[in-house]
Amino acid sequence: MDMQVSFLDRLFESGLLIETGVEGLYGRSGRFEDVIAAFERLIDRYGAADGAEAIRFPPGMNRAFFEKSGYMKSFPQLAGTVHSFCGCELDHVSLLKCMDEGNDWTAEQKATDIVLTPAACYPLYPTVAKRGNLPEAGGLYDLQSYCFRHEPSNDPARQQLFRMREYVRMGTQADVTEFRQTWMDRGVKMMAEVELPVEIDVANDPFFGRAGKMLANNQRDQNLKFELLIPITSVAKPTACMSFNYHQDAFGTKWGLNLADGAVAHTACVGFGLERIALALFHHHGLDTEAWPASVRAALWG
């Protein structure tokens, strides 16, 4: 915890991150954004030749799609919903009186049709399903979005609103598992280019409750999720900066994603935590990008 707070304080003092008064919610400076933009160009350098279809969704998604996804069954503790005032003028007067008195004015807010996006790929599956069967070669998609997870923390690498870059592959089991392995290999090479120490390990998602423990164990036992880990605020507990996920045919079945021959599609995704990768670079190479090793600067800025 001391390492987390110390690194966060240094990020604030240097102006790289901007404090908002809410844990895990930060502004970013131009220098911070330059590093993220440079790393995204590195991602493009590795992935562009694959010919993925680029799609950019907003950081909110259709609540009906969110409900169908089953996210609330597995991760209710992380979800964020968008509520709004839907009352009349009298209700507005009551709202203002409540605020003036320092009481909880949020109680009468009503849920809207928008939910904060929990992962960049969530809006993709219903979007692609509406198109009909996939092409003969399956599908490959390039996504980037702000995402929300309710995890207030002093760890700068555990933010509540953060950006996720993803590639998603839809196809046969062989297609998507080959895709995942390719990006595991690429991930190690990319981090070597920017001189970050990494390890890849089997992992699980933070499923909720006692039933979630069984889901987590099953996920690990089947090697469905791997993470690329980099020390940022702890050497003993390095931070997951990339994830490599094989969903089997779960999303294909749920959303009606079918191959050209009508068989249910398998899916896999690779995710880059962009803020976490930037923080790893600042932690290992210093807060002044001009002083970073020439080889690292060349990899990022050419």
C-alpha atoms as a PDB file:
ATOM      1  CA  MET A   1       0.000   0.000   0.000  1.00  0.00           C
ATOM      2  CA  ASP A   2       2.851   2.418   0.841  1.00  0.00           C
ATOM      3  CA  MET A   3       4.413   1.791  -2.581  1.00  0.00           C
ATOM      4  CA  GLN A   4       1.059   2.436  -4.237  1.00  0.00           C
ATOM      5  CA  VAL A   5       0.500   5.737  -2.407  1.00  0.00           C
ATOM      6  CA  SER A   6       4.108   6.831  -2.936  1.00  0.00           C
ATOM      7  CA  PHE A   7       3.960   6.212  -6.699  1.00  0.00           C
ATOM      8  CA  LEU A   8       0.562   7.905  -6.915  1.00  0.00           C
ATOM      9  CA  ASP A   9       1.880  10.961  -5.049  1.00  0.00           C
ATOM     10  CA  ARG A  10       4.825  11.196  -7.448  1.00  0.00           C
ATOM     11  CA  LEU A  11       2.465  10.990 -10.417  1.00  0.00           C
ATOM     12  CA  PHE A  12       0.384  13.830  -8.963  1.00  0.00           C
ATOM     13  CA  GLU A  13       3.442  15.947  -8.109  1.00  0.00           C
ATOM     14  CA  SER A  14       4.874  15.526 -11.613  1.00  0.00           C
ATOM     15  CA  GLY A  15       1.540  16.472 -13.183  1.00  0.00           C
ATOM     16  CA  LEU A  16       1.263  13.205 -15.092  1.00  0.00           C
ATOM     17  CA  LEU A  17      -1.988  12.381 -13.302  1.00  0.00           C
ATOM     18  CA  ILE A  18      -4.451  14.961 -11.998  1.00  0.00           C
ATOM     19  CA  GLU A  19      -6.276  14.378  -8.726  1.00  0.00           C
ATOM     20  CA  THR A  20     -10.084  14.641  -8.768  1.00  0.00           C
ATOM     21  CA  GLY A  21     -10.891  13.811  -5.132  1.00  0.00           C
ATOM     22  CA  VAL A  22     -12.207  10.338  -6.051  1.00  0.00           C
ATOM     23  CA  GLU A  23     -10.017   7.251  -5.716  1.00  0.00           C
ATOM     24  CA  GLY A  24      -9.281   5.713  -9.103  1.00  0.00           C
ATOM     25  CA  LEU A  25     -10.607   8.689 -11.099  1.00  0.00           C
ATOM     26  CA  TYR A  26      -7.830  10.824 -12.556  1.00  0.00           C
ATOM     27  CA  GLY A  27      -7.152  13.391 -15.207  1.00  0.00           C
ATOM     28  CA  ARG A  28      -4.216  12.733 -17.525  1.00  0.00           C
ATOM     29  CA  SER A  29      -1.629  15.220 -18.748  1.00  0.00           C
ATOM     30  CA  GLY A  30      -0.532  15.646 -22.340  1.00  0.00           C
ATOM     31  CA  ARG A  31       2.707  13.805 -21.534  1.00  0.00           C
ATOM     32  CA  PHE A  32       0.759  10.838 -20.187  1.00  0.00           C
ATOM     33  CA  GLU A  33      -1.446  10.805 -23.279  1.00  0.00           C
ATOM     34  CA  ASP A  34       1.606  10.968 -25.559  1.00  0.00           C
ATOM     35  CA  VAL A  35       2.856   7.698 -24.057  1.00  0.00           C
ATOM     36  CA  ILE A  36      -0.497   5.976 -24.550  1.00  0.00           C
ATOM     37  CA  ALA A  37      -0.714   7.223 -28.147  1.00  0.00           C
ATOM     38  CA  ALA A  38       2.830   6.003 -28.827  1.00  0.00           C
ATOM     39  CA  PHE A  39       2.093   2.573 -27.370  1.00  0.00           C
ATOM     40  CA  GLU A  40      -1.078   2.293 -29.437  1.00  0.00           C
ATOM     41  CA  ARG A  41       1.028   2.911 -32.539  1.00  0.00           C
ATOM     42  CA  LEU A  42       3.248   0.030 -31.390  1.00  0.00           C
ATOM     43  CA  ILE A  43       0.135  -2.150 -31.085  1.00  0.00           C
ATOM     44  CA  ASP A  44      -0.839  -1.117 -34.612  1.00  0.00           C
ATOM     45  CA  ARG A  45       2.608  -2.041 -35.874  1.00  0.00           C
ATOM     46  CA  TYR A  46       2.124  -5.600 -34.628  1.00  0.00           C
ATOM     47  CA  GLY A  47      -1.547  -5.995 -35.493  1.00  0.00           C
ATOM     48  CA  ALA A  48      -2.272  -3.861 -38.568  1.00  0.00           C
ATOM     49  CA  ALA A  49      -1.294  -6.509 -41.121  1.00  0.00           C
ATOM     50  CA  ASP A  50      -3.984  -8.847 -39.740  1.00  0.00           C
ATOM     51  CA  GLY A  51      -6.652  -6.652 -41.318  1.00  0.00           C
ATOM     52  CA  ALA A  52      -8.970  -6.278 -38.317  1.00  0.00           C
ATOM     53  CA  GLU A  53     -12.136  -4.208 -38.698  1.00  0.00           C
ATOM     54  CA  ALA A  54     -11.760  -1.132 -36.469  1.00  0.00           C
ATOM     55  CA  ILE A  55     -14.826  -0.216 -34.395  1.00  0.00           C
ATOM     56  CA  ARG A  56     -14.985   2.401 -31.647  1.00  0.00           C
ATOM     57  CA  PHE A  57     -17.909   2.253 -29.212  1.00  0.00           C
ATOM     58  CA  PRO A  58     -18.665   4.950 -26.610  1.00  0.00           C
ATOM     59  CA  PRO A  59     -18.019   4.221 -22.914  1.00  0.00           C
ATOM     60  CA  GLY A  60     -21.713   3.435 -22.400  1.00  0.00           C
ATOM     61  CA  MET A  61     -23.674   0.494 -23.777  1.00  0.00           C
ATOM     62  CA  ASN A  62     -27.290  -0.573 -24.252  1.00  0.00           C
ATOM     63  CA  ARG A  63     -28.642  -1.707 -20.860  1.00  0.00           C
ATOM     64  CA  ALA A  64     -30.628  -4.518 -22.479  1.00  0.00           C
ATOM     65  CA  PHE A  65     -27.440  -5.929 -24.020  1.00  0.00           C
ATOM     66  CA  PHE A  66     -25.651  -5.555 -20.694  1.00  0.00           C
ATOM     67  CA  GLU A  67     -28.409  -7.483 -18.908  1.00  0.00           C
ATOM     68  CA  LYS A  68     -28.363 -10.255 -21.513  1.00  0.00           C
ATOM     69  CA  SER A  69     -24.565 -10.558 -21.235  1.00  0.00           C
ATOM     70  CA  GLY A  70     -24.873 -11.992 -17.725  1.00  0.00           C
ATOM     71  CA  TYR A  71     -22.366  -9.537 -16.284  1.00  0.00           C
ATOM     72  CA  MET A  72     -24.478  -8.951 -13.176  1.00  0.00           C
ATOM     73  CA  LYS A  73     -24.460 -12.670 -12.404  1.00  0.00           C
ATOM     74  CA  SER A  74     -20.671 -12.746 -12.297  1.00  0.00           C
ATOM     75  CA  PHE A  75     -19.458  -9.229 -11.442  1.00  0.00           C
ATOM     76  CA  PRO A  76     -22.215  -7.177  -9.731  1.00  0.00           C
ATOM     77  CA  GLN A  77     -19.598  -5.500  -7.533  1.00  0.00           C
ATOM     78  CA  LEU A  78     -17.893  -3.915 -10.560  1.00  0.00           C
ATOM     79  CA  ALA A  79     -20.878  -2.663 -12.566  1.00  0.00           C
ATOM     80  CA  GLY A  80     -21.776   0.988 -13.084  1.00  0.00           C
ATOM     81  CA  THR A  81     -25.204   2.163 -14.233  1.00  0.00           C
ATOM     82  CA  VAL A  82     -26.275   5.587 -15.509  1.00  0.00           C
ATOM     83  CA  HIS A  83     -29.155   7.205 -13.627  1.00  0.00           C
ATOM     84  CA  SER A  84     -30.881  10.511 -14.341  1.00  0.00           C
ATOM     85  CA  PHE A  85     -33.562  12.886 -13.064  1.00  0.00           C
ATOM     86  CA  CYS A  86     -36.889  12.023 -14.700  1.00  0.00           C
ATOM     87  CA  GLY A  87     -39.327  14.005 -12.572  1.00  0.00           C
ATOM     88  CA  CYS A  88     -41.615  17.015 -12.970  1.00  0.00           C
ATOM     89  CA  GLU A  89     -41.152  20.589 -11.721  1.00  0.00           C
ATOM     90  CA  LEU A  90     -42.385  19.732  -8.224  1.00  0.00           C
ATOM     91  CA  ASP A  91     -39.930  16.861  -8.083  1.00  0.00           C
ATOM     92  CA  HIS A  92     -37.200  19.295  -9.122  1.00  0.00           C
ATOM     93  CA  VAL A  93     -38.093  21.613  -6.238  1.00  0.00           C
ATOM     94  CA  SER A  94     -37.869  18.653  -3.851  1.00  0.00           C
ATOM     95  CA  LEU A  95     -34.537  17.670  -5.375  1.00  0.00           C
ATOM     96  CA  LEU A  96     -33.044  21.125  -4.841  1.00  0.00           C
ATOM     97  CA  LYS A  97     -34.396  21.282  -1.269  1.00  0.00           C
ATOM     98  CA  CYS A  98     -32.854  17.887  -0.571  1.00  0.00           C
ATOM     99  CA  MET A  99     -29.484  19.078  -1.903  1.00  0.00           C
ATOM    100  CA  ASP A 100     -29.655  22.333   0.072  1.00  0.00           C
ATOM    101  CA  GLU A 101     -30.242  20.336   3.248  1.00  0.00           C
ATOM    102  CA  GLY A 102     -27.289  18.074   2.506  1.00  0.00           C
ATOM    103  CA  ASN A 103     -29.434  14.961   2.195  1.00  0.00           C
ATOM    104  CA  ASP A 104     -29.142  12.127  -0.327  1.00  0.00           C
ATOM    105  CA  TRP A 105     -30.540  13.624  -3.533  1.00  0.00           C
ATOM    106  CA  THR A 106     -29.731  10.508  -5.591  1.00  0.00           C
ATOM    107  CA  ALA A 107     -32.531   8.373  -4.141  1.00  0.00           C
ATOM    108  CA  GLU A 108     -35.094   9.547  -6.720  1.00  0.00           C
ATOM    109  CA  GLN A 109     -32.801   9.174  -9.730  1.00  0.00           C
ATOM    110  CA  LYS A 110     -34.058   6.628 -12.253  1.00  0.00           C
ATOM    111  CA  ALA A 111     -32.046   4.131 -14.288  1.00  0.00           C
ATOM    112  CA  THR A 112     -31.570   5.095 -17.940  1.00  0.00           C
ATOM    113  CA  ASP A 113     -31.111   2.750 -20.892  1.00  0.00           C
ATOM    114  CA  ILE A 114     -27.325   3.216 -20.669  1.00  0.00           C
ATOM    115  CA  VAL A 115     -24.830   1.229 -18.585  1.00  0.00           C
ATOM    116  CA  LEU A 116     -21.133   2.051 -18.330  1.00  0.00           C
ATOM    117  CA  THR A 117     -19.140  -0.280 -20.563  1.00  0.00           C
ATOM    118  CA  PRO A 118     -17.320  -2.893 -18.420  1.00  0.00           C
ATOM    119  CA  ALA A 119     -15.040  -4.191 -21.209  1.00  0.00           C
ATOM    120  CA  ALA A 120     -14.430  -2.873 -24.709  1.00  0.00           C
ATOM    121  CA  CYS A 121     -15.697  -6.055 -26.366  1.00  0.00           C
ATOM    122  CA  TYR A 122     -19.124  -6.228 -24.687  1.00  0.00           C
ATOM    123  CA  PRO A 123     -21.007  -4.103 -27.256  1.00  0.00           C
ATOM    124  CA  LEU A 124     -19.331  -5.966 -30.130  1.00  0.00           C
ATOM    125  CA  TYR A 125     -21.031  -9.354 -29.826  1.00  0.00           C
ATOM    126  CA  PRO A 126     -24.656  -8.212 -30.336  1.00  0.00           C
ATOM    127  CA  THR A 127     -23.478  -5.816 -33.060  1.00  0.00           C
ATOM    128  CA  VAL A 128     -21.823  -8.580 -35.085  1.00  0.00           C
ATOM    129  CA  ALA A 129     -24.662 -11.039 -34.404  1.00  0.00           C
ATOM    130  CA  LYS A 130     -27.145  -8.662 -36.072  1.00  0.00           C
ATOM    131  CA  ARG A 131     -25.155  -8.897 -39.319  1.00  0.00           C
ATOM    132  CA  GLY A 132     -25.902 -12.601 -39.742  1.00  0.00           C
ATOM    133  CA  ASN A 133     -23.447 -15.451 -40.224  1.00  0.00           C
ATOM    134  CA  LEU A 134     -19.754 -14.646 -40.142  1.00  0.00           C
ATOM    135  CA  PRO A 135     -17.690 -14.722 -43.367  1.00  0.00           C
ATOM    136  CA  GLU A 136     -15.833 -17.915 -44.317  1.00  0.00           C
ATOM    137  CA  ALA A 137     -12.682 -16.661 -42.570  1.00  0.00           C
ATOM    138  CA  GLY A 138     -14.555 -15.656 -39.408  1.00  0.00           C
ATOM    139  CA  GLY A 139     -14.189 -12.193 -37.924  1.00  0.00           C
ATOM    140  CA  LEU A 140     -11.405 -10.048 -36.479  1.00  0.00           C
ATOM    141  CA  TYR A 141     -12.108  -6.728 -34.759  1.00  0.00           C
ATOM    142  CA  ASP A 142     -10.019  -3.879 -33.351  1.00  0.00           C
ATOM    143  CA  LEU A 143     -11.647  -2.045 -30.418  1.00  0.00           C
ATOM    144  CA  GLN A 144     -10.770   0.737 -27.991  1.00  0.00           C
ATOM    145  CA  SER A 145     -12.982   2.225 -25.309  1.00  0.00           C
ATOM    146  CA  TYR A 146     -13.048   3.762 -21.883  1.00  0.00           C
ATOM    147  CA  CYS A 147     -14.355   1.137 -19.447  1.00  0.00           C
ATOM    148  CA  PHE A 148     -15.710   1.365 -15.903  1.00  0.00           C
ATOM    149  CA  ARG A 149     -15.235  -0.950 -12.941  1.00  0.00           C
ATOM    150  CA  HIS A 150     -16.217   0.046  -9.430  1.00  0.00           C
ATOM    151  CA  GLU A 151     -12.933  -0.610  -7.630  1.00  0.00           C
ATOM    152  CA  PRO A 152     -11.961   2.506  -5.632  1.00  0.00           C
ATOM    153  CA  SER A 153      -8.269   2.217  -4.784  1.00  0.00           C
ATOM    154  CA  ASN A 154      -5.105   4.206  -4.053  1.00  0.00           C
ATOM    155  CA  ASP A 155      -3.290   1.927  -6.472  1.00  0.00           C
ATOM    156  CA  PRO A 156      -2.801   4.100  -9.592  1.00  0.00           C
ATOM    157  CA  ALA A 157      -2.859   0.918 -11.677  1.00  0.00           C
ATOM    158  CA  ARG A 158      -6.396   0.087 -10.486  1.00  0.00           C
ATOM    159  CA  GLN A 159      -8.506   2.885 -11.905  1.00  0.00           C
ATOM    160  CA  GLN A 160     -12.281   3.044 -12.073  1.00  0.00           C
ATOM    161  CA  LEU A 161     -12.379   4.622 -15.547  1.00  0.00           C
ATOM    162  CA  PHE A 162      -9.660   3.403 -17.871  1.00  0.00           C
ATOM    163  CA  ARG A 163      -9.012   2.586 -21.509  1.00  0.00           C
ATOM    164  CA  MET A 164      -8.913  -0.877 -22.957  1.00  0.00           C
ATOM    165  CA  ARG A 165      -7.604  -1.704 -26.429  1.00  0.00           C
ATOM    166  CA  GLU A 166      -8.764  -5.081 -27.692  1.00  0.00           C
ATOM    167  CA  TYR A 167      -8.565  -7.418 -30.612  1.00  0.00           C
ATOM    168  CA  VAL A 168     -11.419  -9.935 -30.800  1.00  0.00           C
ATOM    169  CA  ARG A 169     -11.372 -13.053 -32.979  1.00  0.00           C
ATOM    170  CA  MET A 170     -14.465 -15.029 -33.953  1.00  0.00           C
ATOM    171  CA  GLY A 171     -14.177 -18.339 -35.765  1.00  0.00           C
ATOM    172  CA  THR A 172     -13.501 -22.018 -35.143  1.00  0.00           C
ATOM    173  CA  GLN A 173     -11.835 -23.272 -31.988  1.00  0.00           C
ATOM    174  CA  ALA A 174      -8.576 -23.642 -33.927  1.00  0.00           C
ATOM    175  CA  ASP A 175      -8.860 -20.104 -35.321  1.00  0.00           C
ATOM    176  CA  VAL A 176      -9.349 -18.387 -31.999  1.00  0.00           C
ATOM    177  CA  THR A 177      -6.845 -20.415 -29.970  1.00  0.00           C
ATOM    178  CA  GLU A 178      -4.175 -19.771 -32.616  1.00  0.00           C
ATOM    179  CA  PHE A 179      -5.051 -16.057 -32.480  1.00  0.00           C
ATOM    180  CA  ARG A 180      -4.671 -16.037 -28.693  1.00  0.00           C
ATOM    181  CA  GLN A 181      -1.291 -17.781 -28.803  1.00  0.00           C
ATOM    182  CA  THR A 182      -0.063 -15.404 -31.516  1.00  0.00           C
ATOM    183  CA  TRP A 183      -0.873 -12.404 -29.338  1.00  0.00           C
ATOM    184  CA  MET A 184       0.690 -13.980 -26.257  1.00  0.00           C
ATOM    185  CA  ASP A 185       3.919 -14.265 -28.245  1.00  0.00           C
ATOM    186  CA  ARG A 186       3.521 -10.743 -29.633  1.00  0.00           C
ATOM    187  CA  GLY A 187       2.845  -9.330 -26.179  1.00  0.00           C
ATOM    188  CA  VAL A 188       6.137 -10.627 -24.847  1.00  0.00           C
ATOM    189  CA  LYS A 189       7.990  -9.222 -27.874  1.00  0.00           C
ATOM    190  CA  MET A 190       6.290  -5.824 -27.581  1.00  0.00           C
ATOM    191  CA  MET A 191       7.208  -5.462 -23.919  1.00  0.00           C
ATOM    192  CA  ALA A 192      10.779  -6.516 -24.688  1.00  0.00           C
ATOM    193  CA  GLU A 193      10.951  -3.660 -27.222  1.00  0.00           C
ATOM    194  CA  VAL A 194      10.061  -1.158 -24.501  1.00  0.00           C
ATOM    195  CA  GLU A 195      12.276  -2.969 -21.953  1.00  0.00           C
ATOM    196  CA  LEU A 196       9.619  -3.962 -19.443  1.00  0.00           C
ATOM    197  CA  PRO A 197      10.025  -7.127 -17.339  1.00  0.00           C
ATOM    198  CA  VAL A 198       7.102  -9.495 -17.837  1.00  0.00           C
ATOM    199  CA  GLU A 199       5.770 -12.900 -16.961  1.00  0.00           C
ATOM    200  CA  ILE A 200       2.713 -14.671 -18.321  1.00  0.00           C
ATOM    201  CA  ASP A 201       0.587 -16.693 -15.951  1.00  0.00           C
ATOM    202  CA  VAL A 202      -2.783 -18.415 -15.899  1.00  0.00           C
ATOM    203  CA  ALA A 203      -5.455 -16.236 -14.292  1.00  0.00           C
ATOM    204  CA  ASN A 204      -9.141 -15.883 -13.495  1.00  0.00           C
ATOM    205  CA  ASP A 205     -11.687 -13.086 -13.507  1.00  0.00           C
ATOM    206  CA  PRO A 206     -12.902 -11.658 -10.147  1.00  0.00           C
ATOM    207  CA  PHE A 207     -16.167 -13.611 -10.023  1.00  0.00           C
ATOM    208  CA  PHE A 208     -18.487 -12.646  -7.154  1.00  0.00           C
ATOM    209  CA  GLY A 209     -19.447 -14.790  -4.172  1.00  0.00           C
ATOM    210  CA  ARG A 210     -19.055 -18.464  -3.322  1.00  0.00           C
ATOM    211  CA  ALA A 211     -20.356 -19.645  -6.683  1.00  0.00           C
ATOM    212  CA  GLY A 212     -17.786 -17.322  -8.251  1.00  0.00           C
ATOM    213  CA  LYS A 213     -14.963 -19.296  -6.638  1.00  0.00           C
ATOM    214  CA  MET A 214     -16.031 -22.377  -8.579  1.00  0.00           C
ATOM    215  CA  LEU A 215     -16.203 -20.379 -11.815  1.00  0.00           C
ATOM    216  CA  ALA A 216     -12.737 -18.978 -11.141  1.00  0.00           C
ATOM    217  CA  ASN A 217     -11.311 -22.429 -10.459  1.00  0.00           C
ATOM    218  CA  ASN A 218     -12.909 -23.782 -13.628  1.00  0.00           C
ATOM    219  CA  GLN A 219     -11.492 -20.887 -15.663  1.00  0.00           C
ATOM    220  CA  ARG A 220      -7.986 -21.591 -14.353  1.00  0.00           C
ATOM    221  CA  ASP A 221      -8.254 -25.361 -14.703  1.00  0.00           C
ATOM    222  CA  GLN A 222      -9.168 -25.010 -18.391  1.00  0.00           C
ATOM    223  CA  ASN A 223      -6.501 -22.346 -19.071  1.00  0.00           C
ATOM    224  CA  LEU A 224      -9.173 -20.015 -20.438  1.00  0.00           C
ATOM    225  CA  LYS A 225      -7.436 -16.842 -19.236  1.00  0.00           C
ATOM    226  CA  PHE A 226      -3.803 -15.800 -19.180  1.00  0.00           C
ATOM    227  CA  GLU A 227      -2.353 -12.455 -18.099  1.00  0.00           C
ATOM    228  CA  LEU A 228       0.859 -10.647 -18.927  1.00  0.00           C
ATOM    229  CA  LEU A 229       2.105  -9.301 -15.602  1.00  0.00           C
ATOM    230  CA  ILE A 230       4.447  -6.350 -14.999  1.00  0.00           C
ATOM    231  CA  PRO A 231       5.593  -5.061 -11.580  1.00  0.00           C
ATOM    232  CA  ILE A 232       4.272  -1.526 -11.048  1.00  0.00           C
ATOM    233  CA  THR A 233       3.482  -0.972  -7.374  1.00  0.00           C
ATOM    234  CA  SER A 234       4.498  -4.433  -6.159  1.00  0.00           C
ATOM    235  CA  VAL A 235       7.095  -6.985  -7.179  1.00  0.00           C
ATOM    236  CA  ALA A 236       5.340  -9.736  -5.222  1.00  0.00           C
ATOM    237  CA  LYS A 237       1.996  -8.955  -6.886  1.00  0.00           C
ATOM    238  CA  PRO A 238       2.714  -7.669 -10.396  1.00  0.00           C
ATOM    239  CA  THR A 239      -0.067  -5.955 -12.326  1.00  0.00           C
ATOM    240  CA  ALA A 240      -1.972  -7.528 -15.211  1.00  0.00           C
ATOM    241  CA  CYS A 241      -1.303  -5.257 -18.211  1.00  0.00           C
ATOM    242  CA  MET A 242      -2.552  -7.596 -20.933  1.00  0.00           C
ATOM    243  CA  SER A 243      -5.060 -10.443 -20.862  1.00  0.00           C
ATOM    244  CA  PHE A 244      -5.606 -13.304 -23.295  1.00  0.00           C
ATOM    245  CA  ASN A 245      -9.052 -14.854 -23.045  1.00  0.00           C
ATOM    246  CA  TYR A 246     -10.687 -17.850 -24.722  1.00  0.00           C
ATOM    247  CA  HIS A 247     -14.465 -17.824 -24.270  1.00  0.00           C
ATOM    248  CA  GLN A 248     -15.076 -21.193 -25.971  1.00  0.00           C
ATOM    249  CA  ASP A 249     -18.547 -20.980 -27.588  1.00  0.00           C
ATOM    250  CA  ALA A 250     -20.130 -19.133 -24.644  1.00  0.00           C
ATOM    251  CA  PHE A 251     -20.598 -15.793 -26.416  1.00  0.00           C
ATOM    252  CA  GLY A 252     -21.373 -17.499 -29.692  1.00  0.00           C
ATOM    253  CA  THR A 253     -24.236 -19.383 -28.052  1.00  0.00           C
ATOM    254  CA  LYS A 254     -25.490 -16.403 -26.029  1.00  0.00           C
ATOM    255  CA  TRP A 255     -25.549 -13.933 -28.922  1.00  0.00           C
ATOM    256  CA  GLY A 256     -26.226 -16.254 -31.858  1.00  0.00           C
ATOM    257  CA  LEU A 257     -22.811 -15.789 -33.453  1.00  0.00           C
ATOM    258  CA  ASN A 258     -22.561 -18.388 -36.218  1.00  0.00           C
ATOM    259  CA  LEU A 259     -19.909 -19.392 -38.708  1.00  0.00           C
ATOM    260  CA  ALA A 260     -20.567 -19.324 -42.435  1.00  0.00           C
ATOM    261  CA  ASP A 261     -21.755 -22.957 -42.266  1.00  0.00           C
ATOM    262  CA  GLY A 262     -24.151 -22.185 -39.393  1.00  0.00           C
ATOM    263  CA  ALA A 263     -22.046 -23.742 -36.612  1.00  0.00           C
ATOM    264  CA  VAL A 264     -21.712 -21.777 -33.379  1.00  0.00           C
ATOM    265  CA  ALA A 265     -18.641 -19.531 -33.394  1.00  0.00           C
ATOM    266  CA  HIS A 266     -15.919 -19.642 -30.766  1.00  0.00           C
ATOM    267  CA  THR A 267     -14.428 -16.328 -29.602  1.00  0.00           C
ATOM    268  CA  ALA A 268     -11.228 -15.072 -28.019  1.00  0.00           C
ATOM    269  CA  CYS A 269      -9.876 -11.632 -27.178  1.00  0.00           C
ATOM    270  CA  VAL A 270      -6.632  -9.953 -26.241  1.00  0.00           C
ATOM    271  CA  GLY A 271      -6.861  -6.841 -24.088  1.00  0.00           C
ATOM    272  CA  PHE A 272      -4.319  -4.100 -23.411  1.00  0.00           C
ATOM    273  CA  GLY A 273      -4.753  -2.007 -20.256  1.00  0.00           C
ATOM    274  CA  LEU A 274      -3.459   1.253 -21.731  1.00  0.00           C
ATOM    275  CA  GLU A 275      -3.169   3.250 -18.504  1.00  0.00           C
ATOM    276  CA  ARG A 276      -1.468   0.316 -16.794  1.00  0.00           C
ATOM    277  CA  ILE A 277       1.077  -0.038 -19.577  1.00  0.00           C
ATOM    278  CA  ALA A 278       1.814   3.698 -19.452  1.00  0.00           C
ATOM    279  CA  LEU A 279       2.225   3.482 -15.671  1.00  0.00           C
ATOM    280  CA  ALA A 280       4.574   0.514 -16.065  1.00  0.00           C
ATOM    281  CA  LEU A 281       6.707   2.562 -18.455  1.00  0.00           C
ATOM    282  CA  PHE A 282       6.828   5.519 -16.059  1.00  0.00           C
ATOM    283  CA  HIS A 283       7.616   3.253 -13.112  1.00  0.00           C
ATOM    284  CA  HIS A 284      10.480   1.424 -14.805  1.00  0.00           C
ATOM    285  CA  HIS A 285      11.973   4.233 -16.905  1.00  0.00           C
ATOM    286  CA  GLY A 286      11.231   7.327 -14.831  1.00  0.00           C
ATOM    287  CA  LEU A 287       8.703  10.154 -14.970  1.00  0.00           C
ATOM    288  CA  ASP A 288      10.637  12.160 -17.576  1.00  0.00           C
ATOM    289  CA  THR A 289      10.140  10.588 -20.992  1.00  0.00           C
ATOM    290  CA  GLU A 290      13.043  12.621 -22.395  1.00  0.00           C
ATOM    291  CA  ALA A 291      15.359  10.662 -20.094  1.00  0.00           C
ATOM    292  CA  TRP A 292      14.074   7.229 -21.089  1.00  0.00           C
ATOM    293  CA  PRO A 293      16.570   4.853 -22.757  1.00  0.00           C
ATOM    294  CA  ALA A 294      17.122   5.703 -26.413  1.00  0.00           C
ATOM    295  CA  SER A 295      16.040   2.207 -27.445  1.00  0.00           C
ATOM    296  CA  VAL A 296      12.701   2.583 -25.638  1.00  0.00           C
ATOM    297  CA  ARG A 297      12.104   6.013 -27.156  1.00  0.00           C
ATOM    298  CA  ALA A 298      12.931   4.619 -30.599  1.00  0.00           C
ATOM    299  CA  ALA A 299      10.407   1.786 -30.151  1.00  0.00           C
ATOM    300  CA  LEU A 300       7.682   4.224 -29.166  1.00  0.00           C
ATOM    301  CA  TRP A 301       8.429   7.359 -31.165  1.00  0.00           C
ATOM    302  CA  GLY A 302      10.692   6.135 -33.961  1.00  0.00           C
END
